[in-house]
Amino acid sequence: MHIRFGARHVIYLVVAGGAFLFSNALLAGEADVVAATVTKLPDGSYHFDVTVAHADTGWDHYANVWQVVGPDGVVLGERELMHPHVEEQPFTRSLSGVNIPADIKSIIIRAGDLVHGYGGQEVTLGLPSEAGKSVSSIK
């Protein structure tokens, strides 16, 4: 039995395969911040532990960053995520030494991925006023 494929059949297969791959990328959704803790350090800077959830599918679609953002939209700190976390979900990463102006009393933490950018679930935290104190939020 021989199956013959013409150029038209090959084009259909390529288009269908591309649509399947594209739809899988969209199914991973946006990166969500599901928990965060901020601690004021003795030098006045802040340490962040942030938990991100995202259905990473591999190198083409994974959560690649989270940011600490002030109420005016200015990025105050950023943690780049260098590889997919396909088998580790959700995952927590830290960032220390984030300097935040004294007049800022709360921040927003957001995460982004390679396909959607930002737009998933964010966390808003008030900042602790004393060194050694922490504030946590779990979504």
Protein backbone atom coordinates (compact mmCIF):
# COMPACT_ATOMS: atom_id res chain seq x y z
CA MET A 1 0.00 0.00 0.00
CA HIS A 2 1.44 3.38 -1.01
CA ILE A 3 0.25 6.70 0.28
CA ARG A 4 0.95 9.61 -2.00
CA PHE A 5 1.32 13.10 -0.68
CA GLY A 6 1.23 16.02 -3.04
CA ALA A 7 2.51 19.52 -2.34
CA ARG A 8 -0.96 20.57 -1.21
CA HIS A 9 -1.06 17.80 1.43
CA VAL A 10 2.35 18.81 2.75
CA ILE A 11 1.19 22.42 3.09
CA TYR A 12 -1.90 21.29 5.02
CA LEU A 13 0.29 19.24 7.37
CA VAL A 14 2.66 22.14 7.97
CA VAL A 15 -0.19 24.57 8.66
CA ALA A 16 -1.99 22.10 10.96
CA GLY A 17 1.24 21.28 12.82
CA GLY A 18 2.05 24.96 13.26
CA ALA A 19 -1.45 25.66 14.57
CA PHE A 20 -1.07 22.80 17.05
CA LEU A 21 2.28 24.09 18.31
CA PHE A 22 0.98 27.66 18.53
CA SER A 23 -2.11 26.55 20.47
CA ASN A 24 0.07 24.60 22.92
CA ALA A 25 2.12 27.73 23.55
CA LEU A 26 -1.05 29.68 24.32
CA LEU A 27 -2.34 26.97 26.64
CA ALA A 28 0.57 27.56 29.00
CA GLY A 29 -1.06 30.87 29.94
CA GLU A 30 0.52 33.78 31.72
CA ALA A 31 2.99 33.65 34.60
CA ASP A 32 1.33 34.13 38.01
CA VAL A 33 2.87 35.29 41.27
CA VAL A 34 1.28 32.95 43.83
CA ALA A 35 3.22 33.93 46.96
CA ALA A 36 5.76 36.54 48.04
CA THR A 37 7.67 37.64 51.12
CA VAL A 38 9.59 40.87 51.55
CA THR A 39 12.09 41.38 54.39
CA LYS A 40 13.76 44.65 55.32
CA LEU A 41 17.52 44.18 55.71
CA PRO A 42 19.77 45.99 58.24
CA ASP A 43 21.23 48.19 55.48
CA GLY A 44 17.72 49.47 54.59
CA SER A 45 17.41 47.47 51.36
CA TYR A 46 14.91 44.65 50.87
CA HIS A 47 15.07 40.91 50.23
CA PHE A 48 12.30 39.21 48.22
CA ASP A 49 11.26 35.53 48.01
CA VAL A 50 8.77 35.14 45.16
CA THR A 51 6.86 32.03 44.07
CA VAL A 52 5.81 31.87 40.43
CA ALA A 53 3.47 29.40 38.73
CA HIS A 54 3.48 28.92 34.97
CA ALA A 55 2.94 25.89 32.75
CA ASP A 56 6.43 26.08 31.23
CA THR A 57 6.62 24.00 28.06
CA GLY A 58 10.34 24.36 27.34
CA TRP A 59 12.83 26.90 26.01
CA ASP A 60 10.27 28.58 23.72
CA HIS A 61 7.72 29.29 26.45
CA TYR A 62 8.67 29.69 30.09
CA ALA A 63 8.41 32.23 32.90
CA ASN A 64 11.59 34.24 32.40
CA VAL A 65 11.34 37.15 34.86
CA TRP A 66 9.69 38.66 37.90
CA GLN A 67 9.79 42.30 38.92
CA VAL A 68 9.30 44.54 41.94
CA VAL A 69 7.32 47.56 40.74
CA GLY A 70 6.53 50.79 42.56
CA PRO A 71 3.03 52.32 42.65
CA ASP A 72 4.05 54.68 39.83
CA GLY A 73 5.03 51.77 37.55
CA VAL A 74 8.79 52.19 37.96
CA VAL A 75 10.66 48.86 38.12
CA LEU A 76 12.63 48.82 41.38
CA GLY A 77 14.09 45.31 41.09
CA GLU A 78 14.13 42.45 38.64
CA ARG A 79 14.96 38.74 38.88
CA GLU A 80 15.75 37.15 35.53
CA LEU A 81 14.91 33.46 35.28
CA MET A 82 17.44 31.77 33.01
CA HIS A 83 15.77 28.46 32.16
CA PRO A 84 12.41 26.65 32.03
CA HIS A 85 10.98 25.04 35.17
CA VAL A 86 8.94 22.35 33.43
CA GLU A 87 9.25 19.82 36.27
CA GLU A 88 9.34 22.34 39.14
CA GLN A 89 6.00 24.12 39.55
CA PRO A 90 5.44 26.39 41.27
CA PHE A 91 8.99 27.55 42.00
CA THR A 92 10.50 30.15 44.34
CA ARG A 93 13.44 32.43 43.62
CA SER A 94 15.00 35.25 45.66
CA LEU A 95 16.39 38.72 45.08
CA SER A 96 18.34 40.76 47.65
CA GLY A 97 19.62 44.30 47.86
CA VAL A 98 16.58 45.99 46.34
CA ASN A 99 16.70 49.68 47.24
CA ILE A 100 13.28 51.28 47.54
CA PRO A 101 12.74 55.00 48.24
CA ALA A 102 11.50 55.71 51.78
CA ASP A 103 8.30 57.36 50.55
CA ILE A 104 7.12 54.12 48.90
CA LYS A 105 4.99 52.09 51.33
CA SER A 106 3.84 49.25 49.06
CA ILE A 107 5.01 47.50 45.91
CA ILE A 108 3.63 45.19 43.25
CA ILE A 109 5.32 41.95 42.23
CA ARG A 110 4.60 40.68 38.73
CA ALA A 111 5.96 37.84 36.62
CA GLY A 112 6.37 37.51 32.88
CA ASP A 113 6.91 34.79 30.30
CA LEU A 114 8.47 34.69 26.85
CA VAL A 115 5.16 34.46 24.95
CA HIS A 116 2.72 36.68 26.87
CA GLY A 117 5.03 39.09 28.68
CA TYR A 118 3.36 40.42 31.84
CA GLY A 119 -0.34 40.13 32.64
CA GLY A 120 -0.78 37.21 35.01
CA GLN A 121 -1.71 37.34 38.69
CA GLU A 122 0.21 39.99 40.67
CA VAL A 123 0.82 40.41 44.39
CA THR A 124 0.78 43.73 46.25
CA LEU A 125 2.75 43.90 49.49
CA GLY A 126 3.15 46.59 52.11
CA LEU A 127 6.79 47.14 53.04
CA PRO A 128 8.03 46.34 56.56
CA SER A 129 9.32 49.44 58.33
CA GLU A 130 11.85 47.75 60.63
CA ALA A 131 14.97 45.77 59.76
CA GLY A 132 14.47 42.04 60.26
CA LYS A 133 10.69 42.27 59.81
CA SER A 134 8.87 40.54 56.95
CA VAL A 135 5.54 40.85 55.17
CA SER A 136 4.06 37.90 53.27
CA SER A 137 1.17 37.35 50.92
CA ILE A 138 -0.15 34.08 49.56
CA LYS A 139 -2.65 34.10 46.68
